[in-house]
């Protein structure tokens, strides 16, 4: 469960030009953005799906996907959490359904402008 006034309460997502864009409003009102390409997003979703039984942590994503920049995998994971595609239990992320990749792509494309 997120802490009160956590980053999760201050983030929004959009899809722009085949990139998932995460915008976070800092406590001082300024913002920052990070992006995740559709290709990287798919790789993250497949990785989580392939490790469904054990779940994954952010660190495991970073280690297991050395070709995906850490910020991109973090954006993908944050979006998957927000959209209910993954469940978090004891800091490990598990697919919320047996169709994680399909669910992830539906959510991505539903956010396209």
N, C-alpha and C. Protein backbone atom coordinates (compact mmCIF):
# COMPACT_ATOMS: atom_id res chain seq x y z
N UNK A 1 0.84 -1.17 0.00
CA UNK A 1 0.00 0.00 0.00
C UNK A 1 0.89 1.24 0.00
N UNK A 2 0.66 2.17 -0.93
CA UNK A 2 1.50 3.37 -0.99
C UNK A 2 1.35 4.23 0.25
N UNK A 3 2.45 4.88 0.61
CA UNK A 3 2.42 5.81 1.74
C UNK A 3 1.62 7.05 1.35
N UNK A 4 1.05 7.76 2.33
CA UNK A 4 0.35 9.01 2.01
C UNK A 4 1.31 9.97 1.32
N UNK A 5 0.81 10.67 0.32
CA UNK A 5 1.59 11.62 -0.47
C UNK A 5 2.82 10.96 -1.10
N UNK A 6 2.67 9.73 -1.52
CA UNK A 6 3.77 9.06 -2.19
C UNK A 6 3.84 9.51 -3.64
N UNK A 7 4.90 9.14 -4.30
CA UNK A 7 5.08 9.49 -5.70
C UNK A 7 3.92 8.93 -6.54
N UNK A 8 3.35 7.83 -6.11
CA UNK A 8 2.26 7.21 -6.85
C UNK A 8 1.00 8.07 -6.87
N UNK A 9 0.87 8.95 -5.88
CA UNK A 9 -0.26 9.88 -5.84
C UNK A 9 -0.04 11.09 -6.73
N UNK A 10 1.21 11.28 -7.17
CA UNK A 10 1.55 12.48 -7.91
C UNK A 10 2.03 12.18 -9.33
N UNK A 11 1.74 11.02 -9.85
CA UNK A 11 2.19 10.65 -11.19
C UNK A 11 1.01 10.50 -12.15
N UNK A 12 1.28 10.78 -13.41
CA UNK A 12 0.31 10.53 -14.47
C UNK A 12 1.06 9.89 -15.63
N UNK A 13 0.30 9.23 -16.49
CA UNK A 13 0.88 8.57 -17.65
C UNK A 13 0.16 8.99 -18.92
N UNK A 14 0.90 9.02 -20.00
CA UNK A 14 0.34 9.29 -21.34
C UNK A 14 1.20 8.51 -22.33
N UNK A 15 0.65 8.30 -23.50
CA UNK A 15 1.42 7.69 -24.59
C UNK A 15 1.59 8.75 -25.66
N UNK A 16 2.84 9.00 -26.01
CA UNK A 16 3.17 9.97 -27.05
C UNK A 16 4.18 9.34 -28.00
N UNK A 17 3.80 9.23 -29.26
CA UNK A 17 4.74 8.72 -30.25
C UNK A 17 5.35 7.38 -29.93
N UNK A 18 4.53 6.42 -29.54
CA UNK A 18 4.96 5.06 -29.20
C UNK A 18 5.89 5.00 -27.99
N UNK A 19 5.76 6.01 -27.12
CA UNK A 19 6.49 6.04 -25.85
C UNK A 19 5.50 6.28 -24.72
N UNK A 20 5.67 5.54 -23.65
CA UNK A 20 4.92 5.76 -22.44
C UNK A 20 5.63 6.88 -21.68
N UNK A 21 4.91 7.90 -21.31
CA UNK A 21 5.49 9.05 -20.62
C UNK A 21 4.92 9.12 -19.20
N UNK A 22 5.81 9.09 -18.23
CA UNK A 22 5.42 9.22 -16.82
C UNK A 22 5.80 10.63 -16.37
N UNK A 23 4.82 11.38 -15.91
CA UNK A 23 5.05 12.72 -15.40
C UNK A 23 4.78 12.70 -13.91
N UNK A 24 5.72 13.22 -13.14
CA UNK A 24 5.59 13.27 -11.69
C UNK A 24 5.65 14.73 -11.26
N UNK A 25 4.72 15.10 -10.39
CA UNK A 25 4.71 16.44 -9.81
C UNK A 25 5.42 16.36 -8.46
N UNK A 26 6.52 17.10 -8.36
CA UNK A 26 7.25 17.14 -7.08
C UNK A 26 6.44 17.91 -6.05
N UNK A 27 6.83 17.78 -4.81
CA UNK A 27 6.12 18.47 -3.72
C UNK A 27 6.18 19.99 -3.88
N UNK A 28 7.22 20.50 -4.54
CA UNK A 28 7.32 21.95 -4.74
C UNK A 28 6.54 22.43 -5.96
N UNK A 29 5.86 21.52 -6.65
CA UNK A 29 5.04 21.88 -7.81
C UNK A 29 5.73 21.72 -9.15
N UNK A 30 7.04 21.57 -9.16
CA UNK A 30 7.75 21.34 -10.42
C UNK A 30 7.50 19.90 -10.89
N UNK A 31 7.78 19.64 -12.14
CA UNK A 31 7.53 18.31 -12.69
C UNK A 31 8.77 17.75 -13.36
N UNK A 32 8.77 16.45 -13.52
CA UNK A 32 9.77 15.80 -14.35
C UNK A 32 9.11 14.66 -15.10
N UNK A 33 9.73 14.25 -16.20
CA UNK A 33 9.19 13.17 -17.02
C UNK A 33 10.27 12.15 -17.32
N UNK A 34 9.83 10.91 -17.43
CA UNK A 34 10.66 9.83 -17.94
C UNK A 34 9.84 9.10 -18.98
N UNK A 35 10.51 8.53 -19.96
CA UNK A 35 9.84 7.84 -21.05
C UNK A 35 10.27 6.38 -21.12
N UNK A 36 9.39 5.58 -21.72
CA UNK A 36 9.67 4.17 -21.97
C UNK A 36 9.14 3.85 -23.36
N UNK A 37 10.01 3.32 -24.20
CA UNK A 37 9.58 2.97 -25.56
C UNK A 37 8.64 1.76 -25.51
N UNK A 38 7.84 1.63 -26.54
CA UNK A 38 6.94 0.48 -26.63
C UNK A 38 7.74 -0.82 -26.63
N UNK A 39 8.87 -0.84 -27.34
CA UNK A 39 9.69 -2.05 -27.38
C UNK A 39 10.19 -2.44 -25.98
N UNK A 40 10.70 -1.46 -25.23
CA UNK A 40 11.17 -1.74 -23.87
C UNK A 40 10.02 -2.18 -22.98
N UNK A 41 8.87 -1.55 -23.13
CA UNK A 41 7.68 -1.90 -22.36
C UNK A 41 7.29 -3.36 -22.58
N UNK A 42 7.32 -3.79 -23.84
CA UNK A 42 7.00 -5.19 -24.16
C UNK A 42 7.99 -6.14 -23.51
N UNK A 43 9.28 -5.78 -23.56
CA UNK A 43 10.32 -6.63 -22.97
C UNK A 43 10.08 -6.79 -21.46
N UNK A 44 9.75 -5.69 -20.80
CA UNK A 44 9.48 -5.73 -19.36
C UNK A 44 8.27 -6.63 -19.08
N UNK A 45 7.20 -6.46 -19.83
CA UNK A 45 6.00 -7.27 -19.61
C UNK A 45 6.30 -8.76 -19.82
N UNK A 46 7.04 -9.08 -20.86
CA UNK A 46 7.40 -10.48 -21.10
C UNK A 46 8.27 -11.04 -19.97
N UNK A 47 9.21 -10.24 -19.49
CA UNK A 47 10.09 -10.69 -18.41
C UNK A 47 9.28 -11.00 -17.15
N UNK A 48 8.37 -10.12 -16.80
CA UNK A 48 7.53 -10.36 -15.62
C UNK A 48 6.68 -11.61 -15.83
N UNK A 49 6.13 -11.77 -17.01
CA UNK A 49 5.31 -12.94 -17.33
C UNK A 49 6.12 -14.23 -17.24
N UNK A 50 7.35 -14.18 -17.72
CA UNK A 50 8.21 -15.37 -17.70
C UNK A 50 8.63 -15.75 -16.28
N UNK A 51 8.57 -14.81 -15.35
CA UNK A 51 8.93 -15.07 -13.96
C UNK A 51 7.71 -14.99 -13.04
N UNK A 52 6.57 -15.38 -13.58
CA UNK A 52 5.29 -15.24 -12.87
C UNK A 52 5.27 -15.98 -11.54
N UNK A 53 5.83 -17.17 -11.48
CA UNK A 53 5.75 -17.96 -10.25
C UNK A 53 6.54 -17.33 -9.10
N UNK A 54 7.73 -16.83 -9.39
CA UNK A 54 8.58 -16.27 -8.34
C UNK A 54 8.37 -14.77 -8.16
N UNK A 55 7.78 -14.12 -9.16
CA UNK A 55 7.66 -12.67 -9.12
C UNK A 55 9.01 -12.02 -9.38
N UNK A 56 9.02 -10.71 -9.53
CA UNK A 56 10.27 -9.98 -9.77
C UNK A 56 10.31 -8.73 -8.91
N UNK A 57 11.51 -8.27 -8.65
CA UNK A 57 11.72 -6.98 -8.00
C UNK A 57 12.28 -6.02 -9.05
N UNK A 58 12.31 -4.76 -8.71
CA UNK A 58 12.88 -3.78 -9.63
C UNK A 58 14.34 -4.11 -9.91
N UNK A 59 15.08 -4.47 -8.89
CA UNK A 59 16.48 -4.84 -9.07
C UNK A 59 16.66 -6.01 -10.02
N UNK A 60 15.79 -6.99 -9.91
CA UNK A 60 15.85 -8.15 -10.81
C UNK A 60 15.54 -7.76 -12.24
N UNK A 61 14.62 -6.82 -12.41
CA UNK A 61 14.34 -6.31 -13.76
C UNK A 61 15.61 -5.68 -14.34
N UNK A 62 16.25 -4.84 -13.54
CA UNK A 62 17.45 -4.15 -14.02
C UNK A 62 18.56 -5.14 -14.35
N UNK A 63 18.74 -6.16 -13.51
CA UNK A 63 19.78 -7.17 -13.78
C UNK A 63 19.41 -8.06 -14.95
N UNK A 64 18.16 -8.46 -15.02
CA UNK A 64 17.73 -9.40 -16.04
C UNK A 64 17.53 -8.79 -17.41
N UNK A 65 17.44 -7.46 -17.47
CA UNK A 65 17.23 -6.77 -18.74
C UNK A 65 18.30 -5.70 -18.94
N UNK A 66 19.57 -6.12 -19.11
CA UNK A 66 20.65 -5.13 -19.20
C UNK A 66 20.55 -4.20 -20.40
N UNK A 67 19.81 -4.59 -21.43
CA UNK A 67 19.67 -3.74 -22.61
C UNK A 67 18.54 -2.73 -22.50
N UNK A 68 17.77 -2.81 -21.42
CA UNK A 68 16.68 -1.85 -21.19
C UNK A 68 17.16 -0.87 -20.12
N UNK A 69 17.21 0.42 -20.43
CA UNK A 69 17.63 1.39 -19.42
C UNK A 69 16.76 1.29 -18.16
N UNK A 70 17.40 1.46 -17.02
CA UNK A 70 16.70 1.33 -15.73
C UNK A 70 15.48 2.24 -15.64
N UNK A 71 15.61 3.47 -16.13
CA UNK A 71 14.47 4.39 -16.04
C UNK A 71 13.30 3.88 -16.87
N UNK A 72 13.58 3.26 -18.02
CA UNK A 72 12.49 2.76 -18.85
C UNK A 72 11.80 1.58 -18.18
N UNK A 73 12.56 0.68 -17.58
CA UNK A 73 11.91 -0.45 -16.91
C UNK A 73 11.13 0.04 -15.69
N UNK A 74 11.62 1.07 -15.00
CA UNK A 74 10.91 1.62 -13.85
C UNK A 74 9.59 2.26 -14.28
N UNK A 75 9.60 2.98 -15.41
CA UNK A 75 8.36 3.59 -15.92
C UNK A 75 7.37 2.49 -16.29
N UNK A 76 7.84 1.48 -17.00
CA UNK A 76 6.95 0.38 -17.39
C UNK A 76 6.33 -0.28 -16.16
N UNK A 77 7.15 -0.57 -15.17
CA UNK A 77 6.65 -1.24 -13.97
C UNK A 77 5.66 -0.35 -13.21
N UNK A 78 5.95 0.92 -13.09
CA UNK A 78 5.02 1.83 -12.40
C UNK A 78 3.67 1.87 -13.10
N UNK A 79 3.68 1.89 -14.43
CA UNK A 79 2.43 1.90 -15.19
C UNK A 79 1.68 0.59 -15.00
N UNK A 80 2.39 -0.53 -15.07
CA UNK A 80 1.75 -1.84 -14.88
C UNK A 80 1.12 -1.95 -13.49
N UNK A 81 1.78 -1.39 -12.50
CA UNK A 81 1.22 -1.38 -11.14
C UNK A 81 -0.05 -0.53 -11.10
N UNK A 82 0.05 0.68 -11.64
CA UNK A 82 -1.09 1.59 -11.59
C UNK A 82 -2.31 1.02 -12.31
N UNK A 83 -2.10 0.38 -13.42
CA UNK A 83 -3.20 -0.15 -14.22
C UNK A 83 -3.69 -1.51 -13.73
N UNK A 84 -3.11 -2.02 -12.67
CA UNK A 84 -3.57 -3.28 -12.09
C UNK A 84 -3.13 -4.51 -12.85
N UNK A 85 -2.13 -4.38 -13.69
CA UNK A 85 -1.63 -5.53 -14.46
C UNK A 85 -0.70 -6.41 -13.63
N UNK A 86 -0.10 -5.82 -12.59
CA UNK A 86 0.73 -6.60 -11.68
C UNK A 86 0.27 -6.35 -10.25
N UNK A 87 0.43 -7.36 -9.43
CA UNK A 87 0.16 -7.26 -8.00
C UNK A 87 1.49 -7.23 -7.27
N UNK A 88 1.58 -6.44 -6.23
CA UNK A 88 2.80 -6.35 -5.44
C UNK A 88 2.57 -7.02 -4.10
N UNK A 89 3.42 -8.01 -3.81
CA UNK A 89 3.37 -8.71 -2.53
C UNK A 89 4.79 -8.81 -2.01
N UNK A 90 5.03 -8.19 -0.84
CA UNK A 90 6.35 -8.22 -0.23
C UNK A 90 7.43 -7.74 -1.20
N UNK A 91 7.13 -6.64 -1.90
CA UNK A 91 8.03 -5.97 -2.84
C UNK A 91 8.31 -6.77 -4.11
N UNK A 92 7.60 -7.85 -4.30
CA UNK A 92 7.74 -8.64 -5.53
C UNK A 92 6.51 -8.41 -6.38
N UNK A 93 6.72 -8.31 -7.67
CA UNK A 93 5.63 -8.04 -8.61
C UNK A 93 5.25 -9.31 -9.35
N UNK A 94 3.97 -9.62 -9.32
CA UNK A 94 3.43 -10.82 -9.95
C UNK A 94 2.36 -10.41 -10.97
N UNK A 95 2.24 -11.13 -12.06
CA UNK A 95 1.15 -10.84 -13.00
C UNK A 95 -0.19 -10.96 -12.29
N UNK A 96 -1.09 -10.04 -12.58
CA UNK A 96 -2.42 -10.06 -11.97
C UNK A 96 -3.36 -11.01 -12.71
N UNK A 97 -2.95 -11.48 -13.88
CA UNK A 97 -3.77 -12.42 -14.65
C UNK A 97 -2.83 -13.36 -15.41
N UNK A 98 -3.42 -14.31 -16.08
CA UNK A 98 -2.62 -15.23 -16.90
C UNK A 98 -2.36 -14.65 -18.28
N UNK A 99 -2.79 -13.42 -18.51
CA UNK A 99 -2.62 -12.76 -19.80
C UNK A 99 -1.90 -11.43 -19.63
N UNK A 100 -0.80 -11.42 -18.87
CA UNK A 100 -0.13 -10.16 -18.54
C UNK A 100 0.28 -9.38 -19.78
N UNK A 101 0.92 -10.01 -20.72
CA UNK A 101 1.42 -9.28 -21.89
C UNK A 101 0.27 -8.65 -22.65
N UNK A 102 -0.80 -9.39 -22.85
CA UNK A 102 -1.96 -8.86 -23.55
C UNK A 102 -2.59 -7.71 -22.77
N UNK A 103 -2.73 -7.89 -21.45
CA UNK A 103 -3.29 -6.82 -20.62
C UNK A 103 -2.41 -5.57 -20.68
N UNK A 104 -1.10 -5.76 -20.63
CA UNK A 104 -0.17 -4.64 -20.68
C UNK A 104 -0.30 -3.88 -21.99
N UNK A 105 -0.42 -4.59 -23.10
CA UNK A 105 -0.54 -3.92 -24.40
C UNK A 105 -1.88 -3.21 -24.55
N UNK A 106 -2.92 -3.80 -24.02
CA UNK A 106 -4.23 -3.13 -24.05
C UNK A 106 -4.16 -1.81 -23.30
N UNK A 107 -3.56 -1.83 -22.12
CA UNK A 107 -3.45 -0.60 -21.33
C UNK A 107 -2.59 0.44 -22.03
N UNK A 108 -1.49 0.01 -22.63
CA UNK A 108 -0.62 0.94 -23.36
C UNK A 108 -1.40 1.63 -24.47
N UNK A 109 -2.04 0.83 -25.31
CA UNK A 109 -2.74 1.38 -26.45
C UNK A 109 -3.99 2.17 -26.06
N UNK A 110 -4.57 1.86 -24.93
CA UNK A 110 -5.72 2.65 -24.45
C UNK A 110 -5.30 4.07 -24.06
N UNK A 111 -4.02 4.27 -23.78
CA UNK A 111 -3.54 5.59 -23.39
C UNK A 111 -2.98 6.40 -24.57
N UNK A 112 -3.02 5.84 -25.77
CA UNK A 112 -2.50 6.57 -26.91
C UNK A 112 -3.35 7.80 -27.17
N UNK A 113 -2.69 8.88 -27.46
CA UNK A 113 -3.41 10.15 -27.71
C UNK A 113 -4.06 10.18 -29.06
